[in-house]
Amino acid sequence: MQPNTVDGGQGTVELSDEGVLRLVWKPGTVLEAADVHAAIAKVNELADGAEYPMLIDMSDTQAVTRQAKDVFSLKCAASRIALLGSSPVNRVIANFAMTRRTLPCPTRVFTSCDEAMHWLLQAPLP
């Protein structure tokens, strides 16, 4: 499936052949709440009422505002979420941000795409 541009143009979403939603943020993006709301809307549109594991590639984003972080706690069509960062520092920052919020589904941070995909494609959670 071809990537679909998120309203506002800050990212793309696609449903892969493996059945994984992939959200990729544009390099250098400073994520605002409106960007995350638009991504959630596009994810829900593509999922068409179903739930899928989701990979969110944040490796080249510049920053995430506090308001955008709050929006990540909203439920969408993701059954589990793997956040992909580019360095161990990204991982520490993301894990710290996640501990301060109630997340809508199991969420983990990775610096390896292969490890993230392995976790996403595990058997469904109970």
PDB file of N, CA and C in Angstrom:
ATOM      1  N   MET A   1       0.842  -1.181   0.000  1.00  0.00           N
ATOM      2  CA  MET A   1       0.000   0.000   0.000  1.00  0.00           C
ATOM      3  C   MET A   1       0.885   1.241   0.000  1.00  0.00           C
ATOM      4  N   GLN A   2       0.487   2.258  -0.735  1.00  0.00           N
ATOM      5  CA  GLN A   2       1.223   3.514  -0.803  1.00  0.00           C
ATOM      6  C   GLN A   2       1.042   4.307   0.487  1.00  0.00           C
ATOM      7  N   PRO A   3       2.098   5.021   0.920  1.00  0.00           N
ATOM      8  CA  PRO A   3       1.952   5.878   2.098  1.00  0.00           C
ATOM      9  C   PRO A   3       0.924   6.983   1.855  1.00  0.00           C
ATOM     10  N   ASN A   4       0.148   7.273   2.873  1.00  0.00           N
ATOM     11  CA  ASN A   4      -0.850   8.344   2.838  1.00  0.00           C
ATOM     12  C   ASN A   4      -0.326   9.504   3.669  1.00  0.00           C
ATOM     13  N   THR A   5      -0.336  10.689   3.105  1.00  0.00           N
ATOM     14  CA  THR A   5       0.155  11.859   3.821  1.00  0.00           C
ATOM     15  C   THR A   5      -0.848  12.271   4.893  1.00  0.00           C
ATOM     16  N   VAL A   6      -0.313  12.516   6.083  1.00  0.00           N
ATOM     17  CA  VAL A   6      -1.122  12.993   7.202  1.00  0.00           C
ATOM     18  C   VAL A   6      -1.492  14.443   6.931  1.00  0.00           C
ATOM     19  N   ASP A   7      -2.732  14.844   7.247  1.00  0.00           N
ATOM     20  CA  ASP A   7      -3.132  16.244   7.080  1.00  0.00           C
ATOM     21  C   ASP A   7      -2.113  17.141   7.781  1.00  0.00           C
ATOM     22  N   GLY A   8      -1.686  18.180   7.089  1.00  0.00           N
ATOM     23  CA  GLY A   8      -0.655  19.063   7.614  1.00  0.00           C
ATOM     24  C   GLY A   8       0.715  18.728   7.044  1.00  0.00           C
ATOM     25  N   GLY A   9       0.840  17.525   6.457  1.00  0.00           N
ATOM     26  CA  GLY A   9       2.057  17.152   5.749  1.00  0.00           C
ATOM     27  C   GLY A   9       3.261  16.771   6.586  1.00  0.00           C
ATOM     28  N   GLN A  10       3.111  16.576   7.887  1.00  0.00           N
ATOM     29  CA  GLN A  10       4.261  16.289   8.733  1.00  0.00           C
ATOM     30  C   GLN A  10       4.646  14.812   8.778  1.00  0.00           C
ATOM     31  N   GLY A  11       3.833  13.939   8.194  1.00  0.00           N
ATOM     32  CA  GLY A  11       4.158  12.522   8.227  1.00  0.00           C
ATOM     33  C   GLY A  11       3.339  11.743   7.227  1.00  0.00           C
ATOM     34  N   THR A  12       3.654  10.439   7.162  1.00  0.00           N
ATOM     35  CA  THR A  12       2.905   9.534   6.299  1.00  0.00           C
ATOM     36  C   THR A  12       2.516   8.295   7.098  1.00  0.00           C
ATOM     37  N   VAL A  13       1.423   7.667   6.672  1.00  0.00           N
ATOM     38  CA  VAL A  13       0.936   6.441   7.300  1.00  0.00           C
ATOM     39  C   VAL A  13       0.646   5.440   6.194  1.00  0.00           C
ATOM     40  N   GLU A  14       1.001   4.176   6.451  1.00  0.00           N
ATOM     41  CA  GLU A  14       0.649   3.107   5.521  1.00  0.00           C
ATOM     42  C   GLU A  14       0.376   1.840   6.308  1.00  0.00           C
ATOM     43  N   LEU A  15      -0.378   0.942   5.698  1.00  0.00           N
ATOM     44  CA  LEU A  15      -0.622  -0.379   6.251  1.00  0.00           C
ATOM     45  C   LEU A  15       0.210  -1.338   5.410  1.00  0.00           C
ATOM     46  N   SER A  16       1.241  -1.938   6.038  1.00  0.00           N
ATOM     47  CA  SER A  16       2.181  -2.785   5.300  1.00  0.00           C
ATOM     48  C   SER A  16       1.570  -4.146   4.971  1.00  0.00           C
ATOM     49  N   ASP A  17       2.248  -4.875   4.117  1.00  0.00           N
ATOM     50  CA  ASP A  17       1.825  -6.227   3.750  1.00  0.00           C
ATOM     51  C   ASP A  17       1.829  -7.166   4.955  1.00  0.00           C
ATOM     52  N   GLU A  18       2.665  -6.860   5.968  1.00  0.00           N
ATOM     53  CA  GLU A  18       2.723  -7.675   7.184  1.00  0.00           C
ATOM     54  C   GLU A  18       1.569  -7.392   8.132  1.00  0.00           C
ATOM     55  N   GLY A  19       0.741  -6.397   7.801  1.00  0.00           N
ATOM     56  CA  GLY A  19      -0.360  -6.014   8.680  1.00  0.00           C
ATOM     57  C   GLY A  19       0.075  -5.096   9.802  1.00  0.00           C
ATOM     58  N   VAL A  20       1.062  -4.251   9.531  1.00  0.00           N
ATOM     59  CA  VAL A  20       1.557  -3.294  10.516  1.00  0.00           C
ATOM     60  C   VAL A  20       1.316  -1.883   9.983  1.00  0.00           C
ATOM     61  N   LEU A  21       0.700  -1.061  10.819  1.00  0.00           N
ATOM     62  CA  LEU A  21       0.568   0.351  10.486  1.00  0.00           C
ATOM     63  C   LEU A  21       1.926   1.009  10.704  1.00  0.00           C
ATOM     64  N   ARG A  22       2.367   1.810   9.750  1.00  0.00           N
ATOM     65  CA  ARG A  22       3.653   2.504   9.873  1.00  0.00           C
ATOM     66  C   ARG A  22       3.422   3.996   9.743  1.00  0.00           C
ATOM     67  N   LEU A  23       3.744   4.698  10.812  1.00  0.00           N
ATOM     68  CA  LEU A  23       3.671   6.154  10.829  1.00  0.00           C
ATOM     69  C   LEU A  23       5.101   6.674  10.832  1.00  0.00           C
ATOM     70  N   VAL A  24       5.457   7.447   9.821  1.00  0.00           N
ATOM     71  CA  VAL A  24       6.802   8.006   9.715  1.00  0.00           C
ATOM     72  C   VAL A  24       6.680   9.527   9.709  1.00  0.00           C
ATOM     73  N   TRP A  25       7.325  10.136  10.689  1.00  0.00           N
ATOM     74  CA  TRP A  25       7.311  11.595  10.768  1.00  0.00           C
ATOM     75  C   TRP A  25       8.411  12.165   9.880  1.00  0.00           C
ATOM     76  N   LYS A  26       8.132  13.284   9.246  1.00  0.00           N
ATOM     77  CA  LYS A  26       9.056  13.974   8.364  1.00  0.00           C
ATOM     78  C   LYS A  26      10.297  14.415   9.156  1.00  0.00           C
ATOM     79  N   PRO A  27      11.497  14.277   8.577  1.00  0.00           N
ATOM     80  CA  PRO A  27      12.709  14.706   9.280  1.00  0.00           C
ATOM     81  C   PRO A  27      12.645  16.168   9.703  1.00  0.00           C
ATOM     82  N   GLY A  28      13.100  16.435  10.921  1.00  0.00           N
ATOM     83  CA  GLY A  28      13.148  17.791  11.441  1.00  0.00           C
ATOM     84  C   GLY A  28      11.847  18.310  12.013  1.00  0.00           C
ATOM     85  N   THR A  29      10.818  17.490  12.023  1.00  0.00           N
ATOM     86  CA  THR A  29       9.502  17.918  12.494  1.00  0.00           C
ATOM     87  C   THR A  29       9.503  18.201  13.994  1.00  0.00           C
ATOM     88  N   VAL A  30       8.872  19.297  14.361  1.00  0.00           N
ATOM     89  CA  VAL A  30       8.527  19.561  15.751  1.00  0.00           C
ATOM     90  C   VAL A  30       7.049  19.203  15.858  1.00  0.00           C
ATOM     91  N   LEU A  31       6.757  18.088  16.523  1.00  0.00           N
ATOM     92  CA  LEU A  31       5.377  17.608  16.574  1.00  0.00           C
ATOM     93  C   LEU A  31       4.523  18.461  17.504  1.00  0.00           C
ATOM     94  N   GLU A  32       3.430  18.931  16.959  1.00  0.00           N
ATOM     95  CA  GLU A  32       2.425  19.689  17.710  1.00  0.00           C
ATOM     96  C   GLU A  32       1.205  18.788  17.900  1.00  0.00           C
ATOM     97  N   ALA A  33       0.316  19.173  18.791  1.00  0.00           N
ATOM     98  CA  ALA A  33      -0.893  18.386  19.057  1.00  0.00           C
ATOM     99  C   ALA A  33      -1.700  18.161  17.778  1.00  0.00           C
ATOM    100  N   ALA A  34      -1.821  19.171  16.936  1.00  0.00           N
ATOM    101  CA  ALA A  34      -2.598  19.039  15.695  1.00  0.00           C
ATOM    102  C   ALA A  34      -2.004  17.969  14.782  1.00  0.00           C
ATOM    103  N   ASP A  35      -0.680  17.844  14.757  1.00  0.00           N
ATOM    104  CA  ASP A  35      -0.031  16.820  13.934  1.00  0.00           C
ATOM    105  C   ASP A  35      -0.400  15.424  14.419  1.00  0.00           C
ATOM    106  N   VAL A  36      -0.385  15.231  15.727  1.00  0.00           N
ATOM    107  CA  VAL A  36      -0.694  13.909  16.287  1.00  0.00           C
ATOM    108  C   VAL A  36      -2.173  13.584  16.088  1.00  0.00           C
ATOM    109  N   HIS A  37      -3.057  14.579  16.277  1.00  0.00           N
ATOM    110  CA  HIS A  37      -4.490  14.361  16.013  1.00  0.00           C
ATOM    111  C   HIS A  37      -4.707  13.951  14.555  1.00  0.00           C
ATOM    112  N   ALA A  38      -4.012  14.626  13.632  1.00  0.00           N
ATOM    113  CA  ALA A  38      -4.153  14.308  12.212  1.00  0.00           C
ATOM    114  C   ALA A  38      -3.641  12.900  11.915  1.00  0.00           C
ATOM    115  N   ALA A  39      -2.555  12.502  12.546  1.00  0.00           N
ATOM    116  CA  ALA A  39      -2.021  11.154  12.340  1.00  0.00           C
ATOM    117  C   ALA A  39      -2.985  10.101  12.873  1.00  0.00           C
ATOM    118  N   ILE A  40      -3.560  10.341  14.042  1.00  0.00           N
ATOM    119  CA  ILE A  40      -4.536   9.403  14.604  1.00  0.00           C
ATOM    120  C   ILE A  40      -5.728   9.255  13.666  1.00  0.00           C
ATOM    121  N   ALA A  41      -6.200  10.352  13.119  1.00  0.00           N
ATOM    122  CA  ALA A  41      -7.340  10.299  12.195  1.00  0.00           C
ATOM    123  C   ALA A  41      -6.991   9.469  10.953  1.00  0.00           C
ATOM    124  N   LYS A  42      -5.779   9.647  10.425  1.00  0.00           N
ATOM    125  CA  LYS A  42      -5.367   8.899   9.228  1.00  0.00           C
ATOM    126  C   LYS A  42      -5.189   7.413   9.558  1.00  0.00           C
ATOM    127  N   VAL A  43      -4.620   7.114  10.722  1.00  0.00           N
ATOM    128  CA  VAL A  43      -4.464   5.720  11.161  1.00  0.00           C
ATOM    129  C   VAL A  43      -5.828   5.051  11.269  1.00  0.00           C
ATOM    130  N   ASN A  44      -6.774   5.714  11.918  1.00  0.00           N
ATOM    131  CA  ASN A  44      -8.115   5.149  12.081  1.00  0.00           C
ATOM    132  C   ASN A  44      -8.819   4.965  10.741  1.00  0.00           C
ATOM    133  N   GLU A  45      -8.605   5.889   9.828  1.00  0.00           N
ATOM    134  CA  GLU A  45      -9.199   5.779   8.488  1.00  0.00           C
ATOM    135  C   GLU A  45      -8.647   4.542   7.759  1.00  0.00           C
ATOM    136  N   LEU A  46      -7.334   4.361   7.790  1.00  0.00           N
ATOM    137  CA  LEU A  46      -6.726   3.208   7.114  1.00  0.00           C
ATOM    138  C   LEU A  46      -7.127   1.886   7.761  1.00  0.00           C
ATOM    139  N   ALA A  47      -7.263   1.873   9.077  1.00  0.00           N
ATOM    140  CA  ALA A  47      -7.595   0.640   9.788  1.00  0.00           C
ATOM    141  C   ALA A  47      -9.035   0.217   9.552  1.00  0.00           C
ATOM    142  N   ASP A  48      -9.905   1.166   9.246  1.00  0.00           N
ATOM    143  CA  ASP A  48     -11.294   0.879   8.895  1.00  0.00           C
ATOM    144  C   ASP A  48     -11.995  -0.012   9.930  1.00  0.00           C
ATOM    145  N   GLY A  49     -11.839   0.354  11.210  1.00  0.00           N
ATOM    146  CA  GLY A  49     -12.538  -0.358  12.275  1.00  0.00           C
ATOM    147  C   GLY A  49     -11.773  -1.518  12.890  1.00  0.00           C
ATOM    148  N   ALA A  50     -10.657  -1.913  12.307  1.00  0.00           N
ATOM    149  CA  ALA A  50      -9.836  -3.004  12.851  1.00  0.00           C
ATOM    150  C   ALA A  50      -8.691  -2.410  13.681  1.00  0.00           C
ATOM    151  N   GLU A  51      -7.989  -3.285  14.409  1.00  0.00           N
ATOM    152  CA  GLU A  51      -6.802  -2.870  15.148  1.00  0.00           C
ATOM    153  C   GLU A  51      -5.590  -3.582  14.564  1.00  0.00           C
ATOM    154  N   TYR A  52      -4.475  -2.880  14.504  1.00  0.00           N
ATOM    155  CA  TYR A  52      -3.227  -3.416  13.981  1.00  0.00           C
ATOM    156  C   TYR A  52      -2.078  -2.967  14.878  1.00  0.00           C
ATOM    157  N   PRO A  53      -0.983  -3.736  14.906  1.00  0.00           N
ATOM    158  CA  PRO A  53       0.210  -3.224  15.571  1.00  0.00           C
ATOM    159  C   PRO A  53       0.736  -2.031  14.767  1.00  0.00           C
ATOM    160  N   MET A  54       1.401  -1.088  15.460  1.00  0.00           N
ATOM    161  CA  MET A  54       1.839   0.127  14.775  1.00  0.00           C
ATOM    162  C   MET A  54       3.270   0.481  15.141  1.00  0.00           C
ATOM    163  N   LEU A  55       4.063   0.781  14.105  1.00  0.00           N
ATOM    164  CA  LEU A  55       5.423   1.273  14.251  1.00  0.00           C
ATOM    165  C   LEU A  55       5.394   2.775  14.004  1.00  0.00           C
ATOM    166  N   ILE A  56       5.888   3.546  14.963  1.00  0.00           N
ATOM    167  CA  ILE A  56       5.976   4.999  14.799  1.00  0.00           C
ATOM    168  C   ILE A  56       7.454   5.355  14.729  1.00  0.00           C
ATOM    169  N   ASP A  57       7.893   5.813  13.559  1.00  0.00           N
ATOM    170  CA  ASP A  57       9.291   6.178  13.358  1.00  0.00           C
ATOM    171  C   ASP A  57       9.466   7.648  13.719  1.00  0.00           C
ATOM    172  N   MET A  58      10.126   7.862  14.853  1.00  0.00           N
ATOM    173  CA  MET A  58      10.373   9.214  15.352  1.00  0.00           C
ATOM    174  C   MET A  58      11.864   9.530  15.315  1.00  0.00           C
ATOM    175  N   SER A  59      12.629   8.732  14.572  1.00  0.00           N
ATOM    176  CA  SER A  59      14.082   8.840  14.621  1.00  0.00           C
ATOM    177  C   SER A  59      14.619  10.177  14.116  1.00  0.00           C
ATOM    178  N   ASP A  60      13.908  10.833  13.219  1.00  0.00           N
ATOM    179  CA  ASP A  60      14.407  12.095  12.682  1.00  0.00           C
ATOM    180  C   ASP A  60      13.583  13.310  13.110  1.00  0.00           C
ATOM    181  N   THR A  61      12.683  13.128  14.089  1.00  0.00           N
ATOM    182  CA  THR A  61      11.932  14.287  14.564  1.00  0.00           C
ATOM    183  C   THR A  61      12.839  15.162  15.412  1.00  0.00           C
ATOM    184  N   GLN A  62      12.565  16.444  15.387  1.00  0.00           N
ATOM    185  CA  GLN A  62      13.380  17.388  16.152  1.00  0.00           C
ATOM    186  C   GLN A  62      12.922  17.457  17.602  1.00  0.00           C
ATOM    187  N   ALA A  63      11.593  17.524  17.808  1.00  0.00           N
ATOM    188  CA  ALA A  63      11.063  17.648  19.163  1.00  0.00           C
ATOM    189  C   ALA A  63       9.584  17.280  19.160  1.00  0.00           C
ATOM    190  N   VAL A  64       9.073  17.010  20.366  1.00  0.00           N
ATOM    191  CA  VAL A  64       7.657  16.720  20.564  1.00  0.00           C
ATOM    192  C   VAL A  64       7.175  17.647  21.680  1.00  0.00           C
ATOM    193  N   THR A  65       6.166  18.473  21.370  1.00  0.00           N
ATOM    194  CA  THR A  65       5.672  19.398  22.386  1.00  0.00           C
ATOM    195  C   THR A  65       4.917  18.644  23.479  1.00  0.00           C
ATOM    196  N   ARG A  66       4.772  19.286  24.618  1.00  0.00           N
ATOM    197  CA  ARG A  66       4.032  18.685  25.731  1.00  0.00           C
ATOM    198  C   ARG A  66       2.598  18.373  25.309  1.00  0.00           C
ATOM    199  N   GLN A  67       1.975  19.290  24.569  1.00  0.00           N
ATOM    200  CA  GLN A  67       0.600  19.077  24.112  1.00  0.00           C
ATOM    201  C   GLN A  67       0.511  17.872  23.177  1.00  0.00           C
ATOM    202  N   ALA A  68       1.519  17.690  22.322  1.00  0.00           N
ATOM    203  CA  ALA A  68       1.534  16.535  21.421  1.00  0.00           C
ATOM    204  C   ALA A  68       1.688  15.250  22.221  1.00  0.00           C
ATOM    205  N   LYS A  69       2.530  15.257  23.239  1.00  0.00           N
ATOM    206  CA  LYS A  69       2.705  14.074  24.083  1.00  0.00           C
ATOM    207  C   LYS A  69       1.389  13.685  24.744  1.00  0.00           C
ATOM    208  N   ASP A  70       0.599  14.675  25.143  1.00  0.00           N
ATOM    209  CA  ASP A  70      -0.696  14.390  25.767  1.00  0.00           C
ATOM    210  C   ASP A  70      -1.639  13.682  24.797  1.00  0.00           C
ATOM    211  N   VAL A  71      -1.570  14.023  23.521  1.00  0.00           N
ATOM    212  CA  VAL A  71      -2.453  13.420  22.525  1.00  0.00           C
ATOM    213  C   VAL A  71      -2.102  11.946  22.317  1.00  0.00           C
ATOM    214  N   PHE A  72      -0.842  11.570  22.511  1.00  0.00           N
ATOM    215  CA  PHE A  72      -0.441  10.176  22.345  1.00  0.00           C
ATOM    216  C   PHE A  72      -1.178   9.238  23.295  1.00  0.00           C
ATOM    217  N   SER A  73      -1.797   9.774  24.325  1.00  0.00           N
ATOM    218  CA  SER A  73      -2.534   8.916  25.265  1.00  0.00           C
ATOM    219  C   SER A  73      -3.941   8.581  24.768  1.00  0.00           C
ATOM    220  N   LEU A  74      -4.357   9.132  23.632  1.00  0.00           N
ATOM    221  CA  LEU A  74      -5.677   8.835  23.082  1.00  0.00           C
ATOM    222  C   LEU A  74      -5.666   7.495  22.358  1.00  0.00           C
ATOM    223  N   LYS A  75      -6.751   6.772  22.452  1.00  0.00           N
ATOM    224  CA  LYS A  75      -6.895   5.467  21.799  1.00  0.00           C
ATOM    225  C   LYS A  75      -7.041   5.654  20.291  1.00  0.00           C
ATOM    226  N   CYS A  76      -6.370   4.783  19.546  1.00  0.00           N
ATOM    227  CA  CYS A  76      -6.541   4.750  18.092  1.00  0.00           C
ATOM    228  C   CYS A  76      -6.588   3.286  17.670  1.00  0.00           C
ATOM    229  N   ALA A  77      -6.413   3.012  16.409  1.00  0.00           N
ATOM    230  CA  ALA A  77      -6.552   1.654  15.876  1.00  0.00           C
ATOM    231  C   ALA A  77      -5.318   0.788  16.121  1.00  0.00           C
ATOM    232  N   ALA A  78      -4.434   1.208  17.000  1.00  0.00           N
ATOM    233  CA  ALA A  78      -3.231   0.425  17.293  1.00  0.00           C
ATOM    234  C   ALA A  78      -3.494  -0.571  18.417  1.00  0.00           C
ATOM    235  N   SER A  79      -3.104  -1.832  18.193  1.00  0.00           N
ATOM    236  CA  SER A  79      -3.223  -2.850  19.239  1.00  0.00           C
ATOM    237  C   SER A  79      -1.998  -2.831  20.143  1.00  0.00           C
ATOM    238  N   ARG A  80      -0.877  -2.399  19.615  1.00  0.00           N
ATOM    239  CA  ARG A  80       0.359  -2.170  20.357  1.00  0.00           C
ATOM    240  C   ARG A  80       1.199  -1.216  19.520  1.00  0.00           C
ATOM    241  N   ILE A  81       2.076  -0.480  20.188  1.00  0.00           N
ATOM    242  CA  ILE A  81       2.859   0.538  19.492  1.00  0.00           C
ATOM    243  C   ILE A  81       4.335   0.362  19.806  1.00  0.00           C
ATOM    244  N   ALA A  82       5.152   0.366  18.747  1.00  0.00           N
ATOM    245  CA  ALA A  82       6.606   0.397  18.881  1.00  0.00           C
ATOM    246  C   ALA A  82       7.070   1.769  18.412  1.00  0.00           C
ATOM    247  N   LEU A  83       7.711   2.498  19.305  1.00  0.00           N
ATOM    248  CA  LEU A  83       8.288   3.794  18.959  1.00  0.00           C
ATOM    249  C   LEU A  83       9.735   3.558  18.545  1.00  0.00           C
ATOM    250  N   LEU A  84      10.106   4.004  17.363  1.00  0.00           N
ATOM    251  CA  LEU A  84      11.454   3.797  16.849  1.00  0.00           C
ATOM    252  C   LEU A  84      12.224   5.108  16.924  1.00  0.00           C
ATOM    253  N   GLY A  85      13.296   5.083  17.706  1.00  0.00           N
ATOM    254  CA  GLY A  85      14.179   6.246  17.827  1.00  0.00           C
ATOM    255  C   GLY A  85      15.522   5.929  17.203  1.00  0.00           C
ATOM    256  N   SER A  86      16.368   6.946  17.086  1.00  0.00           N
ATOM    257  CA  SER A  86      17.639   6.750  16.390  1.00  0.00           C
ATOM    258  C   SER A  86      18.814   6.507  17.320  1.00  0.00           C
ATOM    259  N   SER A  87      18.609   6.665  18.622  1.00  0.00           N
ATOM    260  CA  SER A  87      19.743   6.505  19.531  1.00  0.00           C
ATOM    261  C   SER A  87      19.269   6.066  20.907  1.00  0.00           C
ATOM    262  N   PRO A  88      20.186   5.572  21.731  1.00  0.00           N
ATOM    263  CA  PRO A  88      19.823   5.238  23.112  1.00  0.00           C
ATOM    264  C   PRO A  88      19.296   6.448  23.884  1.00  0.00           C
ATOM    265  N   VAL A  89      19.751   7.642  23.534  1.00  0.00           N
ATOM    266  CA  VAL A  89      19.246   8.850  24.196  1.00  0.00           C
ATOM    267  C   VAL A  89      17.762   9.035  23.882  1.00  0.00           C
ATOM    268  N   ASN A  90      17.361   8.824  22.609  1.00  0.00           N
ATOM    269  CA  ASN A  90      15.935   8.884  22.252  1.00  0.00           C
ATOM    270  C   ASN A  90      15.141   7.918  23.113  1.00  0.00           C
ATOM    271  N   ARG A  91      15.694   6.742  23.315  1.00  0.00           N
ATOM    272  CA  ARG A  91      15.019   5.699  24.085  1.00  0.00           C
ATOM    273  C   ARG A  91      14.788   6.144  25.527  1.00  0.00           C
ATOM    274  N   VAL A  92      15.803   6.714  26.141  1.00  0.00           N
ATOM    275  CA  VAL A  92      15.690   7.180  27.532  1.00  0.00           C
ATOM    276  C   VAL A  92      14.638   8.281  27.635  1.00  0.00           C
ATOM    277  N   ILE A  93      14.684   9.232  26.719  1.00  0.00           N
ATOM    278  CA  ILE A  93      13.721  10.347  26.740  1.00  0.00           C
ATOM    279  C   ILE A  93      12.299   9.835  26.533  1.00  0.00           C
ATOM    280  N   ALA A  94      12.104   8.945  25.564  1.00  0.00           N
ATOM    281  CA  ALA A  94      10.761   8.411  25.283  1.00  0.00           C
ATOM    282  C   ALA A  94      10.244   7.588  26.458  1.00  0.00           C
ATOM    283  N   ASN A  95      11.100   6.754  27.040  1.00  0.00           N
ATOM    284  CA  ASN A  95      10.666   5.963  28.196  1.00  0.00           C
ATOM    285  C   ASN A  95      10.274   6.855  29.359  1.00  0.00           C
ATOM    286  N   PHE A  96      11.014   7.930  29.580  1.00  0.00           N
ATOM    287  CA  PHE A  96      10.678   8.872  30.643  1.00  0.00           C
ATOM    288  C   PHE A  96       9.319   9.513  30.372  1.00  0.00           C
ATOM    289  N   ALA A  97       9.092   9.939  29.137  1.00  0.00           N
ATOM    290  CA  ALA A  97       7.810  10.573  28.783  1.00  0.00           C
ATOM    291  C   ALA A  97       6.655   9.597  28.939  1.00  0.00           C
ATOM    292  N   MET A  98       6.873   8.315  28.602  1.00  0.00           N
ATOM    293  CA  MET A  98       5.800   7.318  28.686  1.00  0.00           C
ATOM    294  C   MET A  98       5.429   6.998  30.125  1.00  0.00           C
ATOM    295  N   THR A  99       6.374   7.050  31.038  1.00  0.00           N
ATOM    296  CA  THR A  99       6.067   6.713  32.426  1.00  0.00           C
ATOM    297  C   THR A  99       5.165   7.753  33.069  1.00  0.00           C
ATOM    298  N   ARG A 100       5.060   8.915  32.487  1.00  0.00           N
ATOM    299  CA  ARG A 100       4.250   9.984  33.057  1.00  0.00           C
ATOM    300  C   ARG A 100       2.849  10.052  32.448  1.00  0.00           C
ATOM    301  N   ARG A 101       2.502   9.072  31.599  1.00  0.00           N
ATOM    302  CA  ARG A 101       1.206   9.076  30.919  1.00  0.00           C
ATOM    303  C   ARG A 101       0.576   7.693  30.956  1.00  0.00           C
ATOM    304  N   THR A 102      -0.765   7.687  30.874  1.00  0.00           N
ATOM    305  CA  THR A 102      -1.488   6.433  30.703  1.00  0.00           C
ATOM    306  C   THR A 102      -1.626   6.216  29.210  1.00  0.00           C
ATOM    307  N   LEU A 103      -1.052   5.135  28.725  1.00  0.00           N
ATOM    308  CA  LEU A 103      -1.075   4.861  27.292  1.00  0.00           C
ATOM    309  C   LEU A 103      -2.227   3.919  26.950  1.00  0.00           C
ATOM    310  N   PRO A 104      -2.807   4.057  25.753  1.00  0.00           N
ATOM    311  CA  PRO A 104      -4.008   3.288  25.383  1.00  0.00           C
ATOM    312  C   PRO A 104      -3.758   1.826  25.030  1.00  0.00           C
ATOM    313  N   CYS A 105      -2.486   1.446  24.842  1.00  0.00           N
ATOM    314  CA  CYS A 105      -2.149   0.062  24.496  1.00  0.00           C
ATOM    315  C   CYS A 105      -0.691  -0.174  24.871  1.00  0.00           C
ATOM    316  N   PRO A 106      -0.247  -1.434  24.881  1.00  0.00           N
ATOM    317  CA  PRO A 106       1.158  -1.693  25.191  1.00  0.00           C
ATOM    318  C   PRO A 106       2.071  -0.925  24.231  1.00  0.00           C
ATOM    319  N   THR A 107       3.052  -0.242  24.791  1.00  0.00           N
ATOM    320  CA  THR A 107       3.943   0.603  24.005  1.00  0.00           C
ATOM    321  C   THR A 107       5.372   0.408  24.490  1.00  0.00           C
ATOM    322  N   ARG A 108       6.288   0.225  23.547  1.00  0.00           N
ATOM    323  CA  ARG A 108       7.708   0.088  23.869  1.00  0.00           C
ATOM    324  C   ARG A 108       8.523   0.942  22.924  1.00  0.00           C
ATOM    325  N   VAL A 109       9.727   1.282  23.370  1.00  0.00           N
ATOM    326  CA  VAL A 109      10.648   2.104  22.587  1.00  0.00           C
ATOM    327  C   VAL A 109      11.802   1.233  22.101  1.00  0.00           C
ATOM    328  N   PHE A 110      12.188   1.427  20.846  1.00  0.00           N
ATOM    329  CA  PHE A 110      13.265   0.652  20.238  1.00  0.00           C
ATOM    330  C   PHE A 110      14.205   1.569  19.470  1.00  0.00           C
ATOM    331  N   THR A 111      15.457   1.133  19.330  1.00  0.00           N
ATOM    332  CA  THR A 111      16.395   1.807  18.437  1.00  0.00           C
ATOM    333  C   THR A 111      16.721   0.907  17.244  1.00  0.00           C
ATOM    334  N   SER A 112      16.166  -0.291  17.217  1.00  0.00           N
ATOM    335  CA  SER A 112      16.352  -1.226  16.110  1.00  0.00           C
ATOM    336  C   SER A 112      14.991  -1.516  15.476  1.00  0.00           C
ATOM    337  N   CYS A 113      14.882  -1.281  14.170  1.00  0.00           N
ATOM    338  CA  CYS A 113      13.626  -1.557  13.468  1.00  0.00           C
ATOM    339  C   CYS A 113      13.310  -3.051  13.494  1.00  0.00           C
ATOM    340  N   ASP A 114      14.333  -3.892  13.347  1.00  0.00           N
ATOM    341  CA  ASP A 114      14.110  -5.340  13.367  1.00  0.00           C
ATOM    342  C   ASP A 114      13.540  -5.792  14.711  1.00  0.00           C
ATOM    343  N   GLU A 115      14.094  -5.290  15.811  1.00  0.00           N
ATOM    344  CA  GLU A 115      13.587  -5.652  17.138  1.00  0.00           C
ATOM    345  C   GLU A 115      12.160  -5.145  17.323  1.00  0.00           C
ATOM    346  N   ALA A 116      11.894  -3.936  16.846  1.00  0.00           N
ATOM    347  CA  ALA A 116      10.544  -3.370  16.955  1.00  0.00           C
ATOM    348  C   ALA A 116       9.542  -4.228  16.189  1.00  0.00           C
ATOM    349  N   MET A 117       9.890  -4.620  14.967  1.00  0.00           N
ATOM    350  CA  MET A 117       8.980  -5.434  14.158  1.00  0.00           C
ATOM    351  C   MET A 117       8.773  -6.808  14.790  1.00  0.00           C
ATOM    352  N   HIS A 118       9.826  -7.390  15.338  1.00  0.00           N
ATOM    353  CA  HIS A 118       9.688  -8.685  16.006  1.00  0.00           C
ATOM    354  C   HIS A 118       8.684  -8.582  17.149  1.00  0.00           C
ATOM    355  N   TRP A 119       8.803  -7.546  17.957  1.00  0.00           N
ATOM    356  CA  TRP A 119       7.883  -7.357  19.083  1.00  0.00           C
ATOM    357  C   TRP A 119       6.449  -7.113  18.584  1.00  0.00           C
ATOM    358  N   LEU A 120       6.305  -6.290  17.563  1.00  0.00           N
ATOM    359  CA  LEU A 120       4.973  -5.990  17.032  1.00  0.00           C
ATOM    360  C   LEU A 120       4.260  -7.209  16.476  1.00  0.00           C
ATOM    361  N   LEU A 121       5.012  -8.111  15.869  1.00  0.00           N
ATOM    362  CA  LEU A 121       4.402  -9.262  15.203  1.00  0.00           C
ATOM    363  C   LEU A 121       4.267 -10.486  16.079  1.00  0.00           C
ATOM    364  N   GLN A 122       4.528 -10.358  17.365  1.00  0.00           N
ATOM    365  CA  GLN A 122       4.302 -11.455  18.305  1.00  0.00           C
ATOM    366  C   GLN A 122       2.820 -11.789  18.341  1.00  0.00           C
ATOM    367  N   ALA A 123       2.513 -12.917  18.966  1.00  0.00           N
ATOM    368  CA  ALA A 123       1.109 -13.311  19.130  1.00  0.00           C
ATOM    369  C   ALA A 123       0.345 -12.199  19.834  1.00  0.00           C
ATOM    370  N   PRO A 124      -0.942 -12.050  19.539  1.00  0.00           N
ATOM    371  CA  PRO A 124      -1.743 -10.999  20.181  1.00  0.00           C
ATOM    372  C   PRO A 124      -1.666 -11.067  21.706  1.00  0.00           C
ATOM    373  N   LEU A 125      -1.741  -9.910  22.312  1.00  0.00           N
ATOM    374  CA  LEU A 125      -1.723  -9.834  23.764  1.00  0.00           C
ATOM    375  C   LEU A 125      -3.046 -10.322  24.337  1.00  0.00           C
ATOM    376  N   PRO A 126      -3.000 -10.915  25.541  1.00  0.00           N
ATOM    377  CA  PRO A 126      -4.252 -11.397  26.156  1.00  0.00           C
ATOM    378  C   PRO A 126      -5.182 -10.269  26.518  1.00  0.00           C
TER     379      PRO A 126
END
